[in-house]
Amino acid sequence: MIRFVNMKTKTIEKIIENGHHKTFQAFDVKKFLSTDKKFWEESTYVAVASPVNARGLVAFILFAKKNNHTENVDVFKILASQALLLFCINRYGGLAEQKHDGVRKK
């Protein structure tokens, strides 16, 4: 599951999930934003935040916790960053295209 969170209002802007997962209902946005941590292990799930924010948004990837199995957190940080990039491009539009003479067009 991916959650895009507004850091200013501490609200979830969008949720992308594969099916319905009750495992992640306990996700506490305010708790996670109150710390500088980018990785949390809860009793039933793991949450990884994008290392940076964009336009005041941060992406969280959540996945079910497996017994005695540690995931590669850095890979999930990269994936969260990529998800945030794509979300921002979709929401705010891409970069202005360049003409061959160097003048921007919209």
PDB file of N, CA and C in Angstrom:
ATOM      1  N   MET A   1       0.840  -1.159   0.000  1.00  0.00           N
ATOM      2  CA  MET A   1       0.000   0.000   0.000  1.00  0.00           C
ATOM      3  C   MET A   1       0.895   1.236   0.000  1.00  0.00           C
ATOM      4  N   ILE A   2       0.468   2.258  -0.702  1.00  0.00           N
ATOM      5  CA  ILE A   2       1.177   3.525  -0.717  1.00  0.00           C
ATOM      6  C   ILE A   2       0.206   4.597  -0.232  1.00  0.00           C
ATOM      7  N   ARG A   3       0.708   5.456   0.650  1.00  0.00           N
ATOM      8  CA  ARG A   3      -0.091   6.584   1.121  1.00  0.00           C
ATOM      9  C   ARG A   3       0.702   7.862   0.902  1.00  0.00           C
ATOM     10  N   PHE A   4       0.026   8.841   0.313  1.00  0.00           N
ATOM     11  CA  PHE A   4       0.623  10.148   0.092  1.00  0.00           C
ATOM     12  C   PHE A   4       0.045  11.085   1.140  1.00  0.00           C
ATOM     13  N   VAL A   5       0.920  11.705   1.926  1.00  0.00           N
ATOM     14  CA  VAL A   5       0.497  12.469   3.088  1.00  0.00           C
ATOM     15  C   VAL A   5       0.931  13.924   2.960  1.00  0.00           C
ATOM     16  N   ASN A   6       0.004  14.829   3.256  1.00  0.00           N
ATOM     17  CA  ASN A   6       0.294  16.252   3.305  1.00  0.00           C
ATOM     18  C   ASN A   6       0.941  16.538   4.653  1.00  0.00           C
ATOM     19  N   MET A   7       2.189  17.000   4.644  1.00  0.00           N
ATOM     20  CA  MET A   7       2.934  17.205   5.881  1.00  0.00           C
ATOM     21  C   MET A   7       2.406  18.396   6.687  1.00  0.00           C
ATOM     22  N   LYS A   8       1.831  19.372   6.022  1.00  0.00           N
ATOM     23  CA  LYS A   8       1.327  20.560   6.719  1.00  0.00           C
ATOM     24  C   LYS A   8       0.035  20.249   7.473  1.00  0.00           C
ATOM     25  N   THR A   9      -0.911  19.619   6.785  1.00  0.00           N
ATOM     26  CA  THR A   9      -2.208  19.323   7.409  1.00  0.00           C
ATOM     27  C   THR A   9      -2.229  17.969   8.114  1.00  0.00           C
ATOM     28  N   LYS A  10      -1.187  17.165   7.862  1.00  0.00           N
ATOM     29  CA  LYS A  10      -1.068  15.812   8.435  1.00  0.00           C
ATOM     30  C   LYS A  10      -2.280  14.939   8.074  1.00  0.00           C
ATOM     31  N   THR A  11      -2.687  15.082   6.808  1.00  0.00           N
ATOM     32  CA  THR A  11      -3.800  14.283   6.306  1.00  0.00           C
ATOM     33  C   THR A  11      -3.341  13.457   5.116  1.00  0.00           C
ATOM     34  N   ILE A  12      -4.035  12.373   4.885  1.00  0.00           N
ATOM     35  CA  ILE A  12      -3.728  11.493   3.759  1.00  0.00           C
ATOM     36  C   ILE A  12      -4.399  12.072   2.516  1.00  0.00           C
ATOM     37  N   GLU A  13      -3.603  12.360   1.503  1.00  0.00           N
ATOM     38  CA  GLU A  13      -4.101  12.928   0.251  1.00  0.00           C
ATOM     39  C   GLU A  13      -4.630  11.846  -0.683  1.00  0.00           C
ATOM     40  N   LYS A  14      -3.943  10.694  -0.713  1.00  0.00           N
ATOM     41  CA  LYS A  14      -4.345   9.607  -1.616  1.00  0.00           C
ATOM     42  C   LYS A  14      -3.808   8.288  -1.086  1.00  0.00           C
ATOM     43  N   ILE A  15      -4.594   7.242  -1.300  1.00  0.00           N
ATOM     44  CA  ILE A  15      -4.198   5.880  -0.933  1.00  0.00           C
ATOM     45  C   ILE A  15      -4.231   5.026  -2.193  1.00  0.00           C
ATOM     46  N   ILE A  16      -3.158   4.291  -2.414  1.00  0.00           N
ATOM     47  CA  ILE A  16      -3.114   3.305  -3.497  1.00  0.00           C
ATOM     48  C   ILE A  16      -2.888   1.961  -2.839  1.00  0.00           C
ATOM     49  N   GLU A  17      -3.804   1.033  -3.072  1.00  0.00           N
ATOM     50  CA  GLU A  17      -3.675  -0.272  -2.434  1.00  0.00           C
ATOM     51  C   GLU A  17      -4.070  -1.384  -3.385  1.00  0.00           C
ATOM     52  N   ASN A  18      -3.590  -2.542  -3.083  1.00  0.00           N
ATOM     53  CA  ASN A  18      -3.913  -3.742  -3.846  1.00  0.00           C
ATOM     54  C   ASN A  18      -4.893  -4.549  -3.004  1.00  0.00           C
ATOM     55  N   GLY A  19      -6.170  -4.283  -3.174  1.00  0.00           N
ATOM     56  CA  GLY A  19      -7.184  -4.950  -2.364  1.00  0.00           C
ATOM     57  C   GLY A  19      -7.388  -4.213  -1.058  1.00  0.00           C
ATOM     58  N   HIS A  20      -8.217  -4.762  -0.194  1.00  0.00           N
ATOM     59  CA  HIS A  20      -8.515  -4.155   1.105  1.00  0.00           C
ATOM     60  C   HIS A  20      -7.661  -4.817   2.174  1.00  0.00           C
ATOM     61  N   HIS A  21      -6.899  -4.003   2.897  1.00  0.00           N
ATOM     62  CA  HIS A  21      -5.994  -4.540   3.905  1.00  0.00           C
ATOM     63  C   HIS A  21      -6.281  -3.915   5.261  1.00  0.00           C
ATOM     64  N   LYS A  22      -6.902  -4.674   6.136  1.00  0.00           N
ATOM     65  CA  LYS A  22      -7.165  -4.185   7.484  1.00  0.00           C
ATOM     66  C   LYS A  22      -5.880  -4.023   8.277  1.00  0.00           C
ATOM     67  N   THR A  23      -4.819  -4.672   7.829  1.00  0.00           N
ATOM     68  CA  THR A  23      -3.533  -4.621   8.514  1.00  0.00           C
ATOM     69  C   THR A  23      -3.052  -3.188   8.679  1.00  0.00           C
ATOM     70  N   PHE A  24      -3.354  -2.314   7.735  1.00  0.00           N
ATOM     71  CA  PHE A  24      -2.806  -0.971   7.720  1.00  0.00           C
ATOM     72  C   PHE A  24      -3.749   0.092   8.280  1.00  0.00           C
ATOM     73  N   GLN A  25      -4.881  -0.301   8.821  1.00  0.00           N
ATOM     74  CA  GLN A  25      -5.832   0.673   9.344  1.00  0.00           C
ATOM     75  C   GLN A  25      -5.288   1.417  10.557  1.00  0.00           C
ATOM     76  N   ALA A  26      -4.320   0.844  11.239  1.00  0.00           N
ATOM     77  CA  ALA A  26      -3.749   1.479  12.426  1.00  0.00           C
ATOM     78  C   ALA A  26      -2.668   2.496  12.081  1.00  0.00           C
ATOM     79  N   PHE A  27      -2.419   2.733  10.804  1.00  0.00           N
ATOM     80  CA  PHE A  27      -1.404   3.693  10.365  1.00  0.00           C
ATOM     81  C   PHE A  27      -1.740   5.067  10.927  1.00  0.00           C
ATOM     82  N   ASP A  28      -0.851   5.613  11.754  1.00  0.00           N
ATOM     83  CA  ASP A  28      -1.071   6.883  12.435  1.00  0.00           C
ATOM     84  C   ASP A  28      -0.182   7.954  11.816  1.00  0.00           C
ATOM     85  N   VAL A  29      -0.757   8.756  10.932  1.00  0.00           N
ATOM     86  CA  VAL A  29      -0.020   9.773  10.195  1.00  0.00           C
ATOM     87  C   VAL A  29       0.698  10.732  11.138  1.00  0.00           C
ATOM     88  N   LYS A  30      -0.010  11.258  12.116  1.00  0.00           N
ATOM     89  CA  LYS A  30       0.572  12.250  13.018  1.00  0.00           C
ATOM     90  C   LYS A  30       1.747  11.668  13.804  1.00  0.00           C
ATOM     91  N   LYS A  31       1.631  10.417  14.201  1.00  0.00           N
ATOM     92  CA  LYS A  31       2.711   9.758  14.943  1.00  0.00           C
ATOM     93  C   LYS A  31       3.972   9.673  14.078  1.00  0.00           C
ATOM     94  N   PHE A  32       3.813   9.254  12.832  1.00  0.00           N
ATOM     95  CA  PHE A  32       4.964   9.082  11.952  1.00  0.00           C
ATOM     96  C   PHE A  32       5.590  10.419  11.552  1.00  0.00           C
ATOM     97  N   LEU A  33       4.775  11.449  11.367  1.00  0.00           N
ATOM     98  CA  LEU A  33       5.306  12.749  10.970  1.00  0.00           C
ATOM     99  C   LEU A  33       5.950  13.501  12.136  1.00  0.00           C
ATOM    100  N   SER A  34       5.683  13.066  13.359  1.00  0.00           N
ATOM    101  CA  SER A  34       6.255  13.755  14.521  1.00  0.00           C
ATOM    102  C   SER A  34       7.714  13.379  14.767  1.00  0.00           C
ATOM    103  N   THR A  35       8.252  12.483  13.971  1.00  0.00           N
ATOM    104  CA  THR A  35       9.630  12.049  14.117  1.00  0.00           C
ATOM    105  C   THR A  35      10.352  12.177  12.778  1.00  0.00           C
ATOM    106  N   ASP A  36      11.665  12.159  12.808  1.00  0.00           N
ATOM    107  CA  ASP A  36      12.445  12.217  11.575  1.00  0.00           C
ATOM    108  C   ASP A  36      12.739  10.834  11.017  1.00  0.00           C
ATOM    109  N   LYS A  37      12.219   9.798  11.653  1.00  0.00           N
ATOM    110  CA  LYS A  37      12.474   8.436  11.194  1.00  0.00           C
ATOM    111  C   LYS A  37      11.847   8.197   9.832  1.00  0.00           C
ATOM    112  N   LYS A  38      12.463   7.336   9.056  1.00  0.00           N
ATOM    113  CA  LYS A  38      11.953   6.972   7.731  1.00  0.00           C
ATOM    114  C   LYS A  38      11.539   5.508   7.672  1.00  0.00           C
ATOM    115  N   PHE A  39      11.680   4.793   8.792  1.00  0.00           N
ATOM    116  CA  PHE A  39      11.369   3.359   8.838  1.00  0.00           C
ATOM    117  C   PHE A  39      10.756   3.029  10.194  1.00  0.00           C
ATOM    118  N   TRP A  40       9.616   2.335  10.176  1.00  0.00           N
ATOM    119  CA  TRP A  40       8.954   1.915  11.410  1.00  0.00           C
ATOM    120  C   TRP A  40       8.529   0.471  11.295  1.00  0.00           C
ATOM    121  N   GLU A  41       8.691  -0.255  12.367  1.00  0.00           N
ATOM    122  CA  GLU A  41       8.159  -1.619  12.454  1.00  0.00           C
ATOM    123  C   GLU A  41       7.077  -1.614  13.513  1.00  0.00           C
ATOM    124  N   GLU A  42       5.865  -1.866  13.094  1.00  0.00           N
ATOM    125  CA  GLU A  42       4.741  -1.981  14.013  1.00  0.00           C
ATOM    126  C   GLU A  42       4.466  -3.468  14.224  1.00  0.00           C
ATOM    127  N   SER A  43       3.453  -3.778  15.009  1.00  0.00           N
ATOM    128  CA  SER A  43       3.190  -5.187  15.318  1.00  0.00           C
ATOM    129  C   SER A  43       2.787  -6.004  14.099  1.00  0.00           C
ATOM    130  N   THR A  44       2.053  -5.406  13.163  1.00  0.00           N
ATOM    131  CA  THR A  44       1.567  -6.164  12.006  1.00  0.00           C
ATOM    132  C   THR A  44       2.090  -5.676  10.661  1.00  0.00           C
ATOM    133  N   TYR A  45       2.738  -4.513  10.633  1.00  0.00           N
ATOM    134  CA  TYR A  45       3.204  -3.983   9.356  1.00  0.00           C
ATOM    135  C   TYR A  45       4.479  -3.174   9.526  1.00  0.00           C
ATOM    136  N   VAL A  46       5.086  -2.879   8.378  1.00  0.00           N
ATOM    137  CA  VAL A  46       6.278  -2.037   8.307  1.00  0.00           C
ATOM    138  C   VAL A  46       5.921  -0.824   7.450  1.00  0.00           C
ATOM    139  N   ALA A  47       6.376   0.356   7.858  1.00  0.00           N
ATOM    140  CA  ALA A  47       6.143   1.587   7.101  1.00  0.00           C
ATOM    141  C   ALA A  47       7.490   2.209   6.757  1.00  0.00           C
ATOM    142  N   VAL A  48       7.620   2.602   5.494  1.00  0.00           N
ATOM    143  CA  VAL A  48       8.841   3.263   5.022  1.00  0.00           C
ATOM    144  C   VAL A  48       8.422   4.556   4.338  1.00  0.00           C
ATOM    145  N   ALA A  49       9.036   5.666   4.763  1.00  0.00           N
ATOM    146  CA  ALA A  49       8.716   6.971   4.194  1.00  0.00           C
ATOM    147  C   ALA A  49       9.738   7.348   3.133  1.00  0.00           C
ATOM    148  N   SER A  50       9.302   8.155   2.180  1.00  0.00           N
ATOM    149  CA  SER A  50      10.251   8.694   1.206  1.00  0.00           C
ATOM    150  C   SER A  50      11.238   9.583   1.958  1.00  0.00           C
ATOM    151  N   PRO A  51      12.513   9.515   1.617  1.00  0.00           N
ATOM    152  CA  PRO A  51      13.525  10.284   2.348  1.00  0.00           C
ATOM    153  C   PRO A  51      13.369  11.798   2.213  1.00  0.00           C
ATOM    154  N   VAL A  52      12.707  12.250   1.166  1.00  0.00           N
ATOM    155  CA  VAL A  52      12.483  13.683   0.948  1.00  0.00           C
ATOM    156  C   VAL A  52      11.002  13.912   0.717  1.00  0.00           C
ATOM    157  N   ASN A  53      10.587  15.171   0.809  1.00  0.00           N
ATOM    158  CA  ASN A  53       9.202  15.501   0.483  1.00  0.00           C
ATOM    159  C   ASN A  53       9.204  16.378  -0.756  1.00  0.00           C
ATOM    160  N   ALA A  54       8.069  16.425  -1.389  1.00  0.00           N
ATOM    161  CA  ALA A  54       7.907  17.249  -2.595  1.00  0.00           C
ATOM    162  C   ALA A  54       6.589  17.994  -2.476  1.00  0.00           C
ATOM    163  N   ARG A  55       6.665  19.311  -2.586  1.00  0.00           N
ATOM    164  CA  ARG A  55       5.470  20.154  -2.480  1.00  0.00           C
ATOM    165  C   ARG A  55       4.714  19.885  -1.185  1.00  0.00           C
ATOM    166  N   GLY A  56       5.447  19.603  -0.122  1.00  0.00           N
ATOM    167  CA  GLY A  56       4.826  19.357   1.179  1.00  0.00           C
ATOM    168  C   GLY A  56       4.205  17.993   1.323  1.00  0.00           C
ATOM    169  N   LEU A  57       4.485  17.099   0.375  1.00  0.00           N
ATOM    170  CA  LEU A  57       3.945  15.743   0.426  1.00  0.00           C
ATOM    171  C   LEU A  57       5.053  14.742   0.700  1.00  0.00           C
ATOM    172  N   VAL A  58       4.712  13.677   1.391  1.00  0.00           N
ATOM    173  CA  VAL A  58       5.628  12.569   1.612  1.00  0.00           C
ATOM    174  C   VAL A  58       4.878  11.282   1.276  1.00  0.00           C
ATOM    175  N   ALA A  59       5.602  10.296   0.764  1.00  0.00           N
ATOM    176  CA  ALA A  59       4.990   9.014   0.417  1.00  0.00           C
ATOM    177  C   ALA A  59       5.400   7.970   1.451  1.00  0.00           C
ATOM    178  N   PHE A  60       4.455   7.149   1.846  1.00  0.00           N
ATOM    179  CA  PHE A  60       4.708   6.029   2.745  1.00  0.00           C
ATOM    180  C   PHE A  60       4.377   4.739   2.016  1.00  0.00           C
ATOM    181  N   ILE A  61       5.295   3.788   2.052  1.00  0.00           N
ATOM    182  CA  ILE A  61       5.003   2.439   1.565  1.00  0.00           C
ATOM    183  C   ILE A  61       4.794   1.578   2.795  1.00  0.00           C
ATOM    184  N   LEU A  62       3.694   0.850   2.814  1.00  0.00           N
ATOM    185  CA  LEU A  62       3.370  -0.028   3.928  1.00  0.00           C
ATOM    186  C   LEU A  62       3.255  -1.448   3.415  1.00  0.00           C
ATOM    187  N   PHE A  63       3.814  -2.384   4.161  1.00  0.00           N
ATOM    188  CA  PHE A  63       3.673  -3.781   3.785  1.00  0.00           C
ATOM    189  C   PHE A  63       3.574  -4.627   5.043  1.00  0.00           C
ATOM    190  N   ALA A  64       2.923  -5.774   4.896  1.00  0.00           N
ATOM    191  CA  ALA A  64       2.710  -6.666   6.038  1.00  0.00           C
ATOM    192  C   ALA A  64       4.044  -7.173   6.562  1.00  0.00           C
ATOM    193  N   LYS A  65       4.115  -7.271   7.869  1.00  0.00           N
ATOM    194  CA  LYS A  65       5.335  -7.735   8.524  1.00  0.00           C
ATOM    195  C   LYS A  65       5.396  -9.253   8.456  1.00  0.00           C
ATOM    196  N   LYS A  66       6.576  -9.762   8.114  1.00  0.00           N
ATOM    197  CA  LYS A  66       6.792 -11.208   8.057  1.00  0.00           C
ATOM    198  C   LYS A  66       7.655 -11.616   9.250  1.00  0.00           C
ATOM    199  N   ASN A  67       7.391 -12.756   9.810  1.00  0.00           N
ATOM    200  CA  ASN A  67       8.164 -13.241  10.953  1.00  0.00           C
ATOM    201  C   ASN A  67       9.607 -13.508  10.568  1.00  0.00           C
ATOM    202  N   ASN A  68      10.526 -12.999  11.383  1.00  0.00           N
ATOM    203  CA  ASN A  68      11.959 -13.235  11.221  1.00  0.00           C
ATOM    204  C   ASN A  68      12.471 -12.902   9.820  1.00  0.00           C
ATOM    205  N   HIS A  69      11.924 -11.871   9.224  1.00  0.00           N
ATOM    206  CA  HIS A  69      12.343 -11.509   7.879  1.00  0.00           C
ATOM    207  C   HIS A  69      12.471  -9.994   7.793  1.00  0.00           C
ATOM    208  N   THR A  70      13.659  -9.504   7.564  1.00  0.00           N
ATOM    209  CA  THR A  70      13.887  -8.071   7.442  1.00  0.00           C
ATOM    210  C   THR A  70      14.018  -7.712   5.967  1.00  0.00           C
ATOM    211  N   GLU A  71      13.226  -6.761   5.544  1.00  0.00           N
ATOM    212  CA  GLU A  71      13.254  -6.302   4.159  1.00  0.00           C
ATOM    213  C   GLU A  71      14.407  -5.319   3.971  1.00  0.00           C
ATOM    214  N   ASN A  72      14.811  -5.108   2.745  1.00  0.00           N
ATOM    215  CA  ASN A  72      15.830  -4.124   2.430  1.00  0.00           C
ATOM    216  C   ASN A  72      15.176  -2.743   2.429  1.00  0.00           C
ATOM    217  N   VAL A  73      15.345  -2.016   3.509  1.00  0.00           N
ATOM    218  CA  VAL A  73      14.672  -0.735   3.705  1.00  0.00           C
ATOM    219  C   VAL A  73      15.069   0.286   2.646  1.00  0.00           C
ATOM    220  N   ASP A  74      16.329   0.299   2.227  1.00  0.00           N
ATOM    221  CA  ASP A  74      16.774   1.277   1.230  1.00  0.00           C
ATOM    222  C   ASP A  74      16.035   1.128  -0.091  1.00  0.00           C
ATOM    223  N   VAL A  75      15.721  -0.079  -0.484  1.00  0.00           N
ATOM    224  CA  VAL A  75      14.960  -0.307  -1.715  1.00  0.00           C
ATOM    225  C   VAL A  75      13.574   0.313  -1.580  1.00  0.00           C
ATOM    226  N   PHE A  76      12.947   0.151  -0.421  1.00  0.00           N
ATOM    227  CA  PHE A  76      11.612   0.723  -0.224  1.00  0.00           C
ATOM    228  C   PHE A  76      11.655   2.245  -0.146  1.00  0.00           C
ATOM    229  N   LYS A  77      12.740   2.827   0.362  1.00  0.00           N
ATOM    230  CA  LYS A  77      12.885   4.287   0.354  1.00  0.00           C
ATOM    231  C   LYS A  77      12.967   4.798  -1.080  1.00  0.00           C
ATOM    232  N   ILE A  78      13.689   4.088  -1.920  1.00  0.00           N
ATOM    233  CA  ILE A  78      13.793   4.460  -3.337  1.00  0.00           C
ATOM    234  C   ILE A  78      12.427   4.349  -4.007  1.00  0.00           C
ATOM    235  N   LEU A  79      11.721   3.273  -3.744  1.00  0.00           N
ATOM    236  CA  LEU A  79      10.389   3.086  -4.327  1.00  0.00           C
ATOM    237  C   LEU A  79       9.421   4.165  -3.853  1.00  0.00           C
ATOM    238  N   ALA A  80       9.494   4.541  -2.588  1.00  0.00           N
ATOM    239  CA  ALA A  80       8.632   5.606  -2.060  1.00  0.00           C
ATOM    240  C   ALA A  80       8.946   6.933  -2.748  1.00  0.00           C
ATOM    241  N   SER A  81      10.223   7.209  -2.965  1.00  0.00           N
ATOM    242  CA  SER A  81      10.623   8.436  -3.661  1.00  0.00           C
ATOM    243  C   SER A  81      10.109   8.450  -5.096  1.00  0.00           C
ATOM    244  N   GLN A  82      10.193   7.332  -5.773  1.00  0.00           N
ATOM    245  CA  GLN A  82       9.706   7.236  -7.148  1.00  0.00           C
ATOM    246  C   GLN A  82       8.188   7.396  -7.200  1.00  0.00           C
ATOM    247  N   ALA A  83       7.494   6.796  -6.241  1.00  0.00           N
ATOM    248  CA  ALA A  83       6.038   6.935  -6.178  1.00  0.00           C
ATOM    249  C   ALA A  83       5.651   8.392  -5.967  1.00  0.00           C
ATOM    250  N   LEU A  84       6.375   9.082  -5.095  1.00  0.00           N
ATOM    251  CA  LEU A  84       6.104  10.495  -4.834  1.00  0.00           C
ATOM    252  C   LEU A  84       6.361  11.330  -6.090  1.00  0.00           C
ATOM    253  N   LEU A  85       7.427  11.048  -6.804  1.00  0.00           N
ATOM    254  CA  LEU A  85       7.723  11.752  -8.045  1.00  0.00           C
ATOM    255  C   LEU A  85       6.580  11.583  -9.050  1.00  0.00           C
ATOM    256  N   LEU A  86       6.142  10.361  -9.264  1.00  0.00           N
ATOM    257  CA  LEU A  86       5.061  10.103 -10.221  1.00  0.00           C
ATOM    258  C   LEU A  86       3.748  10.734  -9.775  1.00  0.00           C
ATOM    259  N   PHE A  87       3.482  10.703  -8.480  1.00  0.00           N
ATOM    260  CA  PHE A  87       2.262  11.328  -7.952  1.00  0.00           C
ATOM    261  C   PHE A  87       2.281  12.834  -8.217  1.00  0.00           C
ATOM    262  N   CYS A  88       3.420  13.477  -7.963  1.00  0.00           N
ATOM    263  CA  CYS A  88       3.534  14.922  -8.188  1.00  0.00           C
ATOM    264  C   CYS A  88       3.436  15.269  -9.668  1.00  0.00           C
ATOM    265  N   ILE A  89       4.052  14.475 -10.526  1.00  0.00           N
ATOM    266  CA  ILE A  89       3.946  14.718 -11.972  1.00  0.00           C
ATOM    267  C   ILE A  89       2.497  14.592 -12.416  1.00  0.00           C
ATOM    268  N   ASN A  90       1.794  13.577 -11.914  1.00  0.00           N
ATOM    269  CA  ASN A  90       0.394  13.380 -12.262  1.00  0.00           C
ATOM    270  C   ASN A  90      -0.476  14.528 -11.747  1.00  0.00           C
ATOM    271  N   ARG A  91      -0.224  14.966 -10.537  1.00  0.00           N
ATOM    272  CA  ARG A  91      -1.047  16.002  -9.926  1.00  0.00           C
ATOM    273  C   ARG A  91      -0.731  17.396 -10.458  1.00  0.00           C
ATOM    274  N   TYR A  92       0.547  17.721 -10.588  1.00  0.00           N
ATOM    275  CA  TYR A  92       0.941  19.087 -10.923  1.00  0.00           C
ATOM    276  C   TYR A  92       1.429  19.262 -12.355  1.00  0.00           C
ATOM    277  N   GLY A  93       1.491  18.189 -13.118  1.00  0.00           N
ATOM    278  CA  GLY A  93       1.935  18.275 -14.499  1.00  0.00           C
ATOM    279  C   GLY A  93       3.432  18.098 -14.628  1.00  0.00           C
ATOM    280  N   GLY A  94       3.855  17.776 -15.826  1.00  0.00           N
ATOM    281  CA  GLY A  94       5.278  17.560 -16.085  1.00  0.00           C
ATOM    282  C   GLY A  94       6.019  18.874 -16.232  1.00  0.00           C
ATOM    283  N   LEU A  95       7.277  18.773 -16.477  1.00  0.00           N
ATOM    284  CA  LEU A  95       8.094  19.952 -16.722  1.00  0.00           C
ATOM    285  C   LEU A  95       7.730  20.545 -18.072  1.00  0.00           C
ATOM    286  N   ALA A  96       7.916  21.831 -18.199  1.00  0.00           N
ATOM    287  CA  ALA A  96       7.639  22.485 -19.479  1.00  0.00           C
ATOM    288  C   ALA A  96       8.563  21.906 -20.541  1.00  0.00           C
ATOM    289  N   GLU A  97       8.015  21.675 -21.732  1.00  0.00           N
ATOM    290  CA  GLU A  97       8.823  21.125 -22.818  1.00  0.00           C
ATOM    291  C   GLU A  97       9.739  22.203 -23.373  1.00  0.00           C
ATOM    292  N   GLN A  98      10.876  21.793 -23.877  1.00  0.00           N
ATOM    293  CA  GLN A  98      11.837  22.729 -24.462  1.00  0.00           C
ATOM    294  C   GLN A  98      11.701  22.726 -25.981  1.00  0.00           C
ATOM    295  N   LYS A  99      11.669  23.906 -26.576  1.00  0.00           N
ATOM    296  CA  LYS A  99      11.768  24.011 -28.027  1.00  0.00           C
ATOM    297  C   LYS A  99      13.234  23.864 -28.389  1.00  0.00           C
ATOM    298  N   HIS A 100      13.505  23.606 -29.637  1.00  0.00           N
ATOM    299  CA  HIS A 100      14.885  23.439 -30.076  1.00  0.00           C
ATOM    300  C   HIS A 100      15.694  24.720 -29.965  1.00  0.00           C
ATOM    301  N   ASP A 101      15.022  25.897 -30.001  1.00  0.00           N
ATOM    302  CA  ASP A 101      15.763  27.142 -29.885  1.00  0.00           C
ATOM    303  C   ASP A 101      15.973  27.580 -28.429  1.00  0.00           C
ATOM    304  N   GLY A 102      15.577  26.710 -27.481  1.00  0.00           N
ATOM    305  CA  GLY A 102      15.790  26.988 -26.066  1.00  0.00           C
ATOM    306  C   GLY A 102      14.669  27.739 -25.396  1.00  0.00           C
ATOM    307  N   VAL A 103      13.624  28.156 -26.148  1.00  0.00           N
ATOM    308  CA  VAL A 103      12.499  28.864 -25.572  1.00  0.00           C
ATOM    309  C   VAL A 103      11.480  27.852 -25.077  1.00  0.00           C
ATOM    310  N   ARG A 104      11.033  28.030 -23.850  1.00  0.00           N
ATOM    311  CA  ARG A 104      10.065  27.081 -23.282  1.00  0.00           C
ATOM    312  C   ARG A 104       8.692  27.278 -23.882  1.00  0.00           C
ATOM    313  N   LYS A 105       8.004  26.183 -24.062  1.00  0.00           N
ATOM    314  CA  LYS A 105       6.602  26.256 -24.469  1.00  0.00           C
ATOM    315  C   LYS A 105       5.800  25.454 -23.474  1.00  0.00           C
ATOM    316  N   LYS A 106       4.538  25.735 -23.386  1.00  0.00           N
ATOM    317  CA  LYS A 106       3.671  25.028 -22.435  1.00  0.00           C
ATOM    318  C   LYS A 106       2.683  24.181 -23.151  1.00  0.00           C
TER     319      LYS A 106
END
